[in-house]
Every structure is written in structure tokens, then in C-alpha cells.
Amino acid sequence: MHQYASIPGLIRTFLIILLIYFGFKILARLFAPFLMRFVAKKAGQKFEQQFGQYQRSQEPQRQEGEVVIDKAPKQNKASNKDVGEYVDYEEVD
């Protein structure tokens, strides 16, 4: 026995597909902000964890109450006279 596609069956299938599509769109609009907030929160936690590990590895171990004063070394900036000469110019209209 052979079954053939009928118009009511085709319309029913098309309506089911549309219902699923629009239902998914509505649910996505409702749950997208929660999902995005969750993803951003997890990314922030991961960033803080990695930054904390980097900070701890860069910071030397010091005892409590120890005072350390860090100063940048003085850099003597000598001007370079071999740069060239000053050329005066006029604007042409």
C-alpha cells in the first residue's frame, strides 16, 4: 500500500516547522540576556584568576611590615644635535 503526500499533511508539517521556529525565537529572546550574563561572569572570573596568577608570580615575597621604596633610575636625556636644521616655511594659498 502506497501513501501519497496530501495537502492537509503538507500544511500541517509547514505549520509545525513555523511553530518550532517562532517558539525558538521567542525563547531565545527571553533567555539570551541570562545566558550572556552567565558567559560574561565566567569570562570575568577566568580573567581575574589569570591576572591573579600573573600578579603573584611578578610580586616578590616580602615579610609583613617590611617597607620597600621603589625608585625609577634617573635617565640623562642628552639632546641630539645631529637631527638636522630648522627650515622656515610659508603657507601657500
PDB file of N, CA and C in Angstrom:
ATOM      1  N   MET A   1       0.828  -1.159   0.000  1.00  0.00           N
ATOM      2  CA  MET A   1       0.000   0.000   0.000  1.00  0.00           C
ATOM      3  C   MET A   1       0.886   1.239   0.000  1.00  0.00           C
ATOM      4  N   HIS A   2       0.636   2.140  -0.885  1.00  0.00           N
ATOM      5  CA  HIS A   2       1.417   3.351  -1.025  1.00  0.00           C
ATOM      6  C   HIS A   2       0.683   4.515  -0.392  1.00  0.00           C
ATOM      7  N   GLN A   3       1.457   5.401   0.253  1.00  0.00           N
ATOM      8  CA  GLN A   3       0.863   6.612   0.804  1.00  0.00           C
ATOM      9  C   GLN A   3       1.393   7.798   0.019  1.00  0.00           C
ATOM     10  N   TYR A   4       0.522   8.697  -0.289  1.00  0.00           N
ATOM     11  CA  TYR A   4       0.890   9.875  -1.047  1.00  0.00           C
ATOM     12  C   TYR A   4       0.761  11.102  -0.135  1.00  0.00           C
ATOM     13  N   ALA A   5       1.571  12.132  -0.426  1.00  0.00           N
ATOM     14  CA  ALA A   5       1.510  13.365   0.342  1.00  0.00           C
ATOM     15  C   ALA A   5       0.197  14.070   0.053  1.00  0.00           C
ATOM     16  N   SER A   6      -0.439  14.516   1.120  1.00  0.00           N
ATOM     17  CA  SER A   6      -1.699  15.222   0.943  1.00  0.00           C
ATOM     18  C   SER A   6      -1.494  16.693   1.289  1.00  0.00           C
ATOM     19  N   ILE A   7      -2.336  17.526   0.794  1.00  0.00           N
ATOM     20  CA  ILE A   7      -2.254  18.962   1.054  1.00  0.00           C
ATOM     21  C   ILE A   7      -2.425  19.253   2.544  1.00  0.00           C
ATOM     22  N   PRO A   8      -3.409  18.686   3.248  1.00  0.00           N
ATOM     23  CA  PRO A   8      -3.520  18.959   4.697  1.00  0.00           C
ATOM     24  C   PRO A   8      -2.281  18.505   5.478  1.00  0.00           C
ATOM     25  N   GLY A   9      -1.678  17.401   5.090  1.00  0.00           N
ATOM     26  CA  GLY A   9      -0.468  16.929   5.765  1.00  0.00           C
ATOM     27  C   GLY A   9       0.702  17.859   5.531  1.00  0.00           C
ATOM     28  N   LEU A  10       0.804  18.371   4.304  1.00  0.00           N
ATOM     29  CA  LEU A  10       1.866  19.313   3.971  1.00  0.00           C
ATOM     30  C   LEU A  10       1.702  20.613   4.747  1.00  0.00           C
ATOM     31  N   ILE A  11       0.483  21.119   4.820  1.00  0.00           N
ATOM     32  CA  ILE A  11       0.211  22.353   5.572  1.00  0.00           C
ATOM     33  C   ILE A  11       0.491  22.140   7.053  1.00  0.00           C
ATOM     34  N   ARG A  12       0.092  20.976   7.557  1.00  0.00           N
ATOM     35  CA  ARG A  12       0.322  20.664   8.975  1.00  0.00           C
ATOM     36  C   ARG A  12       1.825  20.640   9.276  1.00  0.00           C
ATOM     37  N   THR A  13       2.616  20.020   8.407  1.00  0.00           N
ATOM     38  CA  THR A  13       4.060  19.951   8.589  1.00  0.00           C
ATOM     39  C   THR A  13       4.666  21.353   8.538  1.00  0.00           C
ATOM     40  N   PHE A  14       4.216  22.155   7.577  1.00  0.00           N
ATOM     41  CA  PHE A  14       4.708  23.527   7.447  1.00  0.00           C
ATOM     42  C   PHE A  14       4.380  24.344   8.688  1.00  0.00           C
ATOM     43  N   LEU A  15       3.178  24.205   9.225  1.00  0.00           N
ATOM     44  CA  LEU A  15       2.791  24.932  10.434  1.00  0.00           C
ATOM     45  C   LEU A  15       3.601  24.488  11.651  1.00  0.00           C
ATOM     46  N   ILE A  16       3.908  23.202  11.747  1.00  0.00           N
ATOM     47  CA  ILE A  16       4.724  22.701  12.866  1.00  0.00           C
ATOM     48  C   ILE A  16       6.130  23.298  12.792  1.00  0.00           C
ATOM     49  N   ILE A  17       6.682  23.357  11.576  1.00  0.00           N
ATOM     50  CA  ILE A  17       8.020  23.934  11.407  1.00  0.00           C
ATOM     51  C   ILE A  17       8.008  25.410  11.794  1.00  0.00           C
ATOM     52  N   LEU A  18       6.983  26.155  11.364  1.00  0.00           N
ATOM     53  CA  LEU A  18       6.875  27.564  11.729  1.00  0.00           C
ATOM     54  C   LEU A  18       6.710  27.744  13.232  1.00  0.00           C
ATOM     55  N   LEU A  19       5.911  26.896  13.859  1.00  0.00           N
ATOM     56  CA  LEU A  19       5.706  26.971  15.304  1.00  0.00           C
ATOM     57  C   LEU A  19       7.016  26.741  16.053  1.00  0.00           C
ATOM     58  N   ILE A  20       7.785  25.764  15.623  1.00  0.00           N
ATOM     59  CA  ILE A  20       9.071  25.493  16.270  1.00  0.00           C
ATOM     60  C   ILE A  20      10.024  26.666  16.070  1.00  0.00           C
ATOM     61  N   TYR A  21      10.064  27.223  14.850  1.00  0.00           N
ATOM     62  CA  TYR A  21      10.950  28.335  14.544  1.00  0.00           C
ATOM     63  C   TYR A  21      10.614  29.556  15.398  1.00  0.00           C
ATOM     64  N   PHE A  22       9.349  29.954  15.400  1.00  0.00           N
ATOM     65  CA  PHE A  22       8.977  31.147  16.173  1.00  0.00           C
ATOM     66  C   PHE A  22       9.046  30.899  17.679  1.00  0.00           C
ATOM     67  N   GLY A  23       8.757  29.690  18.103  1.00  0.00           N
ATOM     68  CA  GLY A  23       8.909  29.355  19.525  1.00  0.00           C
ATOM     69  C   GLY A  23      10.357  29.472  19.957  1.00  0.00           C
ATOM     70  N   PHE A  24      11.272  29.006  19.104  1.00  0.00           N
ATOM     71  CA  PHE A  24      12.696  29.113  19.419  1.00  0.00           C
ATOM     72  C   PHE A  24      13.122  30.582  19.480  1.00  0.00           C
ATOM     73  N   LYS A  25      12.630  31.409  18.551  1.00  0.00           N
ATOM     74  CA  LYS A  25      12.977  32.835  18.569  1.00  0.00           C
ATOM     75  C   LYS A  25      12.502  33.503  19.856  1.00  0.00           C
ATOM     76  N   ILE A  26      11.289  33.194  20.275  1.00  0.00           N
ATOM     77  CA  ILE A  26      10.746  33.800  21.492  1.00  0.00           C
ATOM     78  C   ILE A  26      11.546  33.355  22.714  1.00  0.00           C
ATOM     79  N   LEU A  27      11.834  32.058  22.793  1.00  0.00           N
ATOM     80  CA  LEU A  27      12.610  31.555  23.925  1.00  0.00           C
ATOM     81  C   LEU A  27      14.033  32.127  23.925  1.00  0.00           C
ATOM     82  N   ALA A  28      14.609  32.303  22.744  1.00  0.00           N
ATOM     83  CA  ALA A  28      15.959  32.874  22.660  1.00  0.00           C
ATOM     84  C   ALA A  28      15.957  34.311  23.163  1.00  0.00           C
ATOM     85  N   ARG A  29      14.913  35.074  22.836  1.00  0.00           N
ATOM     86  CA  ARG A  29      14.842  36.456  23.333  1.00  0.00           C
ATOM     87  C   ARG A  29      14.669  36.501  24.845  1.00  0.00           C
ATOM     88  N   LEU A  30      13.988  35.533  25.390  1.00  0.00           N
ATOM     89  CA  LEU A  30      13.782  35.517  26.842  1.00  0.00           C
ATOM     90  C   LEU A  30      15.041  35.091  27.595  1.00  0.00           C
ATOM     91  N   PHE A  31      15.739  34.083  27.076  1.00  0.00           N
ATOM     92  CA  PHE A  31      16.857  33.516  27.815  1.00  0.00           C
ATOM     93  C   PHE A  31      18.219  34.044  27.388  1.00  0.00           C
ATOM     94  N   ALA A  32      18.306  34.785  26.298  1.00  0.00           N
ATOM     95  CA  ALA A  32      19.606  35.308  25.843  1.00  0.00           C
ATOM     96  C   ALA A  32      20.254  36.235  26.869  1.00  0.00           C
ATOM     97  N   PRO A  33      19.517  37.163  27.503  1.00  0.00           N
ATOM     98  CA  PRO A  33      20.196  38.018  28.495  1.00  0.00           C
ATOM     99  C   PRO A  33      20.796  37.225  29.657  1.00  0.00           C
ATOM    100  N   PHE A  34      20.093  36.192  30.117  1.00  0.00           N
ATOM    101  CA  PHE A  34      20.617  35.376  31.212  1.00  0.00           C
ATOM    102  C   PHE A  34      21.856  34.608  30.762  1.00  0.00           C
ATOM    103  N   LEU A  35      21.797  34.084  29.546  1.00  0.00           N
ATOM    104  CA  LEU A  35      22.930  33.338  29.020  1.00  0.00           C
ATOM    105  C   LEU A  35      24.136  34.249  28.831  1.00  0.00           C
ATOM    106  N   MET A  36      23.929  35.447  28.291  1.00  0.00           N
ATOM    107  CA  MET A  36      25.029  36.383  28.083  1.00  0.00           C
ATOM    108  C   MET A  36      25.625  36.837  29.414  1.00  0.00           C
ATOM    109  N   ARG A  37      24.778  37.069  30.404  1.00  0.00           N
ATOM    110  CA  ARG A  37      25.255  37.472  31.727  1.00  0.00           C
ATOM    111  C   ARG A  37      26.109  36.358  32.338  1.00  0.00           C
ATOM    112  N   PHE A  38      25.666  35.113  32.170  1.00  0.00           N
ATOM    113  CA  PHE A  38      26.400  33.968  32.705  1.00  0.00           C
ATOM    114  C   PHE A  38      27.764  33.841  32.028  1.00  0.00           C
ATOM    115  N   VAL A  39      27.796  33.980  30.694  1.00  0.00           N
ATOM    116  CA  VAL A  39      29.055  33.871  29.954  1.00  0.00           C
ATOM    117  C   VAL A  39      30.006  34.999  30.346  1.00  0.00           C
ATOM    118  N   ALA A  40      29.493  36.223  30.473  1.00  0.00           N
ATOM    119  CA  ALA A  40      30.341  37.353  30.858  1.00  0.00           C
ATOM    120  C   ALA A  40      30.890  37.160  32.270  1.00  0.00           C
ATOM    121  N   LYS A  41      30.077  36.630  33.165  1.00  0.00           N
ATOM    122  CA  LYS A  41      30.517  36.394  34.542  1.00  0.00           C
ATOM    123  C   LYS A  41      31.633  35.349  34.585  1.00  0.00           C
ATOM    124  N   LYS A  42      31.476  34.288  33.816  1.00  0.00           N
ATOM    125  CA  LYS A  42      32.504  33.238  33.776  1.00  0.00           C
ATOM    126  C   LYS A  42      33.800  33.772  33.157  1.00  0.00           C
ATOM    127  N   ALA A  43      33.685  34.575  32.102  1.00  0.00           N
ATOM    128  CA  ALA A  43      34.880  35.148  31.477  1.00  0.00           C
ATOM    129  C   ALA A  43      35.585  36.092  32.444  1.00  0.00           C
ATOM    130  N   GLY A  44      34.830  36.870  33.216  1.00  0.00           N
ATOM    131  CA  GLY A  44      35.419  37.760  34.216  1.00  0.00           C
ATOM    132  C   GLY A  44      36.140  36.995  35.302  1.00  0.00           C
ATOM    133  N   GLN A  45      35.546  35.901  35.750  1.00  0.00           N
ATOM    134  CA  GLN A  45      36.188  35.087  36.774  1.00  0.00           C
ATOM    135  C   GLN A  45      37.492  34.482  36.248  1.00  0.00           C
ATOM    136  N   LYS A  46      37.467  34.023  34.998  1.00  0.00           N
ATOM    137  CA  LYS A  46      38.660  33.432  34.414  1.00  0.00           C
ATOM    138  C   LYS A  46      39.756  34.493  34.266  1.00  0.00           C
ATOM    139  N   PHE A  47      39.363  35.704  33.835  1.00  0.00           N
ATOM    140  CA  PHE A  47      40.336  36.788  33.699  1.00  0.00           C
ATOM    141  C   PHE A  47      40.944  37.132  35.046  1.00  0.00           C
ATOM    142  N   GLU A  48      40.117  37.253  36.079  1.00  0.00           N
ATOM    143  CA  GLU A  48      40.622  37.576  37.412  1.00  0.00           C
ATOM    144  C   GLU A  48      41.571  36.505  37.915  1.00  0.00           C
ATOM    145  N   GLN A  49      41.241  35.249  37.640  1.00  0.00           N
ATOM    146  CA  GLN A  49      42.094  34.147  38.085  1.00  0.00           C
ATOM    147  C   GLN A  49      43.450  34.215  37.380  1.00  0.00           C
ATOM    148  N   GLN A  50      43.455  34.431  36.064  1.00  0.00           N
ATOM    149  CA  GLN A  50      44.712  34.500  35.333  1.00  0.00           C
ATOM    150  C   GLN A  50      45.517  35.732  35.739  1.00  0.00           C
ATOM    151  N   PHE A  51      44.849  36.858  35.931  1.00  0.00           N
ATOM    152  CA  PHE A  51      45.531  38.076  36.347  1.00  0.00           C
ATOM    153  C   PHE A  51      46.130  37.901  37.737  1.00  0.00           C
ATOM    154  N   GLY A  52      45.419  37.236  38.631  1.00  0.00           N
ATOM    155  CA  GLY A  52      45.930  36.997  39.982  1.00  0.00           C
ATOM    156  C   GLY A  52      47.165  36.119  39.963  1.00  0.00           C
ATOM    157  N   GLN A  53      47.168  35.098  39.100  1.00  0.00           N
ATOM    158  CA  GLN A  53      48.336  34.237  38.990  1.00  0.00           C
ATOM    159  C   GLN A  53      49.529  35.026  38.455  1.00  0.00           C
ATOM    160  N   TYR A  54      49.291  35.884  37.468  1.00  0.00           N
ATOM    161  CA  TYR A  54      50.369  36.690  36.908  1.00  0.00           C
ATOM    162  C   TYR A  54      50.900  37.666  37.947  1.00  0.00           C
ATOM    163  N   GLN A  55      49.994  38.278  38.695  1.00  0.00           N
ATOM    164  CA  GLN A  55      50.387  39.268  39.704  1.00  0.00           C
ATOM    165  C   GLN A  55      51.216  38.602  40.801  1.00  0.00           C
ATOM    166  N   ARG A  56      50.788  37.414  41.223  1.00  0.00           N
ATOM    167  CA  ARG A  56      51.523  36.720  42.280  1.00  0.00           C
ATOM    168  C   ARG A  56      52.903  36.285  41.805  1.00  0.00           C
ATOM    169  N   SER A  57      53.036  35.925  40.522  1.00  0.00           N
ATOM    170  CA  SER A  57      54.335  35.486  40.028  1.00  0.00           C
ATOM    171  C   SER A  57      55.282  36.671  39.864  1.00  0.00           C
ATOM    172  N   GLN A  58      54.785  37.881  39.644  1.00  0.00           N
ATOM    173  CA  GLN A  58      55.610  39.061  39.465  1.00  0.00           C
ATOM    174  C   GLN A  58      56.026  39.690  40.791  1.00  0.00           C
ATOM    175  N   GLU A  59      55.262  39.458  41.810  1.00  0.00           N
ATOM    176  CA  GLU A  59      55.477  40.103  43.104  1.00  0.00           C
ATOM    177  C   GLU A  59      56.416  39.258  43.964  1.00  0.00           C
ATOM    178  N   PRO A  60      57.581  39.812  44.362  1.00  0.00           N
ATOM    179  CA  PRO A  60      58.474  39.030  45.229  1.00  0.00           C
ATOM    180  C   PRO A  60      57.863  38.868  46.624  1.00  0.00           C
ATOM    181  N   GLN A  61      58.221  37.797  47.286  1.00  0.00           N
ATOM    182  CA  GLN A  61      57.697  37.514  48.621  1.00  0.00           C
ATOM    183  C   GLN A  61      58.347  38.459  49.629  1.00  0.00           C
ATOM    184  N   ARG A  62      57.519  39.155  50.404  1.00  0.00           N
ATOM    185  CA  ARG A  62      58.010  40.082  51.423  1.00  0.00           C
ATOM    186  C   ARG A  62      57.358  39.731  52.750  1.00  0.00           C
ATOM    187  N   GLN A  63      58.086  40.028  53.793  1.00  0.00           N
ATOM    188  CA  GLN A  63      57.539  39.790  55.118  1.00  0.00           C
ATOM    189  C   GLN A  63      56.609  40.927  55.500  1.00  0.00           C
ATOM    190  N   GLU A  64      55.689  40.635  56.387  1.00  0.00           N
ATOM    191  CA  GLU A  64      54.727  41.633  56.831  1.00  0.00           C
ATOM    192  C   GLU A  64      55.454  42.737  57.594  1.00  0.00           C
ATOM    193  N   GLY A  65      55.144  43.977  57.278  1.00  0.00           N
ATOM    194  CA  GLY A  65      55.746  45.118  57.944  1.00  0.00           C
ATOM    195  C   GLY A  65      57.002  45.631  57.262  1.00  0.00           C
ATOM    196  N   GLU A  66      57.492  44.950  56.249  1.00  0.00           N
ATOM    197  CA  GLU A  66      58.690  45.388  55.539  1.00  0.00           C
ATOM    198  C   GLU A  66      58.332  46.563  54.634  1.00  0.00           C
ATOM    199  N   VAL A  67      59.175  47.577  54.654  1.00  0.00           N
ATOM    200  CA  VAL A  67      58.935  48.769  53.848  1.00  0.00           C
ATOM    201  C   VAL A  67      59.912  48.761  52.677  1.00  0.00           C
ATOM    202  N   VAL A  68      59.364  48.927  51.478  1.00  0.00           N
ATOM    203  CA  VAL A  68      60.191  48.937  50.278  1.00  0.00           C
ATOM    204  C   VAL A  68      59.850  50.187  49.484  1.00  0.00           C
ATOM    205  N   ILE A  69      60.886  50.921  49.087  1.00  0.00           N
ATOM    206  CA  ILE A  69      60.684  52.119  48.282  1.00  0.00           C
ATOM    207  C   ILE A  69      61.322  51.868  46.924  1.00  0.00           C
ATOM    208  N   ASP A  70      60.485  51.876  45.905  1.00  0.00           N
ATOM    209  CA  ASP A  70      60.977  51.658  44.546  1.00  0.00           C
ATOM    210  C   ASP A  70      61.125  53.003  43.858  1.00  0.00           C
ATOM    211  N   LYS A  71      62.296  53.228  43.283  1.00  0.00           N
ATOM    212  CA  LYS A  71      62.536  54.458  42.539  1.00  0.00           C
ATOM    213  C   LYS A  71      62.994  54.092  41.144  1.00  0.00           C
ATOM    214  N   ALA A  72      62.530  54.873  40.199  1.00  0.00           N
ATOM    215  CA  ALA A  72      62.985  54.678  38.830  1.00  0.00           C
ATOM    216  C   ALA A  72      64.359  55.313  38.695  1.00  0.00           C
ATOM    217  N   PRO A  73      65.274  54.678  37.991  1.00  0.00           N
ATOM    218  CA  PRO A  73      66.608  55.273  37.833  1.00  0.00           C
ATOM    219  C   PRO A  73      66.522  56.536  36.991  1.00  0.00           C
ATOM    220  N   LYS A  74      67.394  57.490  37.315  1.00  0.00           N
ATOM    221  CA  LYS A  74      67.417  58.734  36.551  1.00  0.00           C
ATOM    222  C   LYS A  74      68.016  58.458  35.187  1.00  0.00           C
ATOM    223  N   GLN A  75      67.358  58.992  34.180  1.00  0.00           N
ATOM    224  CA  GLN A  75      67.878  58.836  32.828  1.00  0.00           C
ATOM    225  C   GLN A  75      68.296  60.203  32.322  1.00  0.00           C
ATOM    226  N   ASN A  76      69.535  60.302  31.965  1.00  0.00           N
ATOM    227  CA  ASN A  76      70.043  61.561  31.425  1.00  0.00           C
ATOM    228  C   ASN A  76      69.731  61.584  29.938  1.00  0.00           C
ATOM    229  N   LYS A  77      68.846  62.480  29.571  1.00  0.00           N
ATOM    230  CA  LYS A  77      68.477  62.582  28.173  1.00  0.00           C
ATOM    231  C   LYS A  77      69.301  63.700  27.543  1.00  0.00           C
ATOM    232  N   ALA A  78      70.225  63.315  26.746  1.00  0.00           N
ATOM    233  CA  ALA A  78      71.045  64.296  26.047  1.00  0.00           C
ATOM    234  C   ALA A  78      70.373  64.587  24.713  1.00  0.00           C
ATOM    235  N   SER A  79      70.275  65.850  24.391  1.00  0.00           N
ATOM    236  CA  SER A  79      69.650  66.194  23.121  1.00  0.00           C
ATOM    237  C   SER A  79      70.594  65.848  21.988  1.00  0.00           C
ATOM    238  N   ASN A  80      70.026  65.422  20.907  1.00  0.00           N
ATOM    239  CA  ASN A  80      70.816  65.030  19.751  1.00  0.00           C
ATOM    240  C   ASN A  80      70.868  66.212  18.787  1.00  0.00           C
ATOM    241  N   LYS A  81      72.036  66.816  18.666  1.00  0.00           N
ATOM    242  CA  LYS A  81      72.189  67.990  17.812  1.00  0.00           C
ATOM    243  C   LYS A  81      72.350  67.605  16.345  1.00  0.00           C
ATOM    244  N   ASP A  82      72.504  66.338  16.062  1.00  0.00           N
ATOM    245  CA  ASP A  82      72.708  65.890  14.692  1.00  0.00           C
ATOM    246  C   ASP A  82      71.394  65.592  13.972  1.00  0.00           C
ATOM    247  N   VAL A  83      70.304  66.063  14.502  1.00  0.00           N
ATOM    248  CA  VAL A  83      68.994  65.763  13.923  1.00  0.00           C
ATOM    249  C   VAL A  83      68.818  66.478  12.598  1.00  0.00           C
ATOM    250  N   GLY A  84      69.189  67.701  12.510  1.00  0.00           N
ATOM    251  CA  GLY A  84      69.037  68.453  11.274  1.00  0.00           C
ATOM    252  C   GLY A  84      68.834  69.916  11.598  1.00  0.00           C
ATOM    253  N   GLU A  85      68.595  70.701  10.587  1.00  0.00           N
ATOM    254  CA  GLU A  85      68.428  72.125  10.809  1.00  0.00           C
ATOM    255  C   GLU A  85      66.962  72.502  10.660  1.00  0.00           C
ATOM    256  N   TYR A  86      66.612  73.626  11.250  1.00  0.00           N
ATOM    257  CA  TYR A  86      65.248  74.127  11.205  1.00  0.00           C
ATOM    258  C   TYR A  86      65.026  74.829   9.878  1.00  0.00           C
ATOM    259  N   VAL A  87      63.897  74.493   9.226  1.00  0.00           N
ATOM    260  CA  VAL A  87      63.575  75.110   7.945  1.00  0.00           C
ATOM    261  C   VAL A  87      62.278  75.889   8.130  1.00  0.00           C
ATOM    262  N   ASP A  88      62.347  77.193   7.861  1.00  0.00           N
ATOM    263  CA  ASP A  88      61.167  78.027   7.955  1.00  0.00           C
ATOM    264  C   ASP A  88      60.365  77.884   6.664  1.00  0.00           C
ATOM    265  N   TYR A  89      59.049  77.856   6.791  1.00  0.00           N
ATOM    266  CA  TYR A  89      58.225  77.711   5.599  1.00  0.00           C
ATOM    267  C   TYR A  89      57.072  78.685   5.628  1.00  0.00           C
ATOM    268  N   GLU A  90      56.509  78.919   4.485  1.00  0.00           N
ATOM    269  CA  GLU A  90      55.330  79.772   4.354  1.00  0.00           C
ATOM    270  C   GLU A  90      54.210  78.953   3.743  1.00  0.00           C
ATOM    271  N   GLU A  91      52.991  79.227   4.201  1.00  0.00           N
ATOM    272  CA  GLU A  91      51.845  78.544   3.619  1.00  0.00           C
ATOM    273  C   GLU A  91      51.467  79.233   2.321  1.00  0.00           C
ATOM    274  N   VAL A  92      51.161  78.449   1.314  1.00  0.00           N
ATOM    275  CA  VAL A  92      50.763  78.984   0.020  1.00  0.00           C
ATOM    276  C   VAL A  92      49.256  78.790  -0.101  1.00  0.00           C
ATOM    277  N   ASP A  93      48.548  79.905  -0.368  1.00  0.00           N
ATOM    278  CA  ASP A  93      47.095  79.814  -0.501  1.00  0.00           C
ATOM    279  C   ASP A  93      46.696  79.531  -1.928  1.00  0.00           C
TER     280      ASP A  93
END
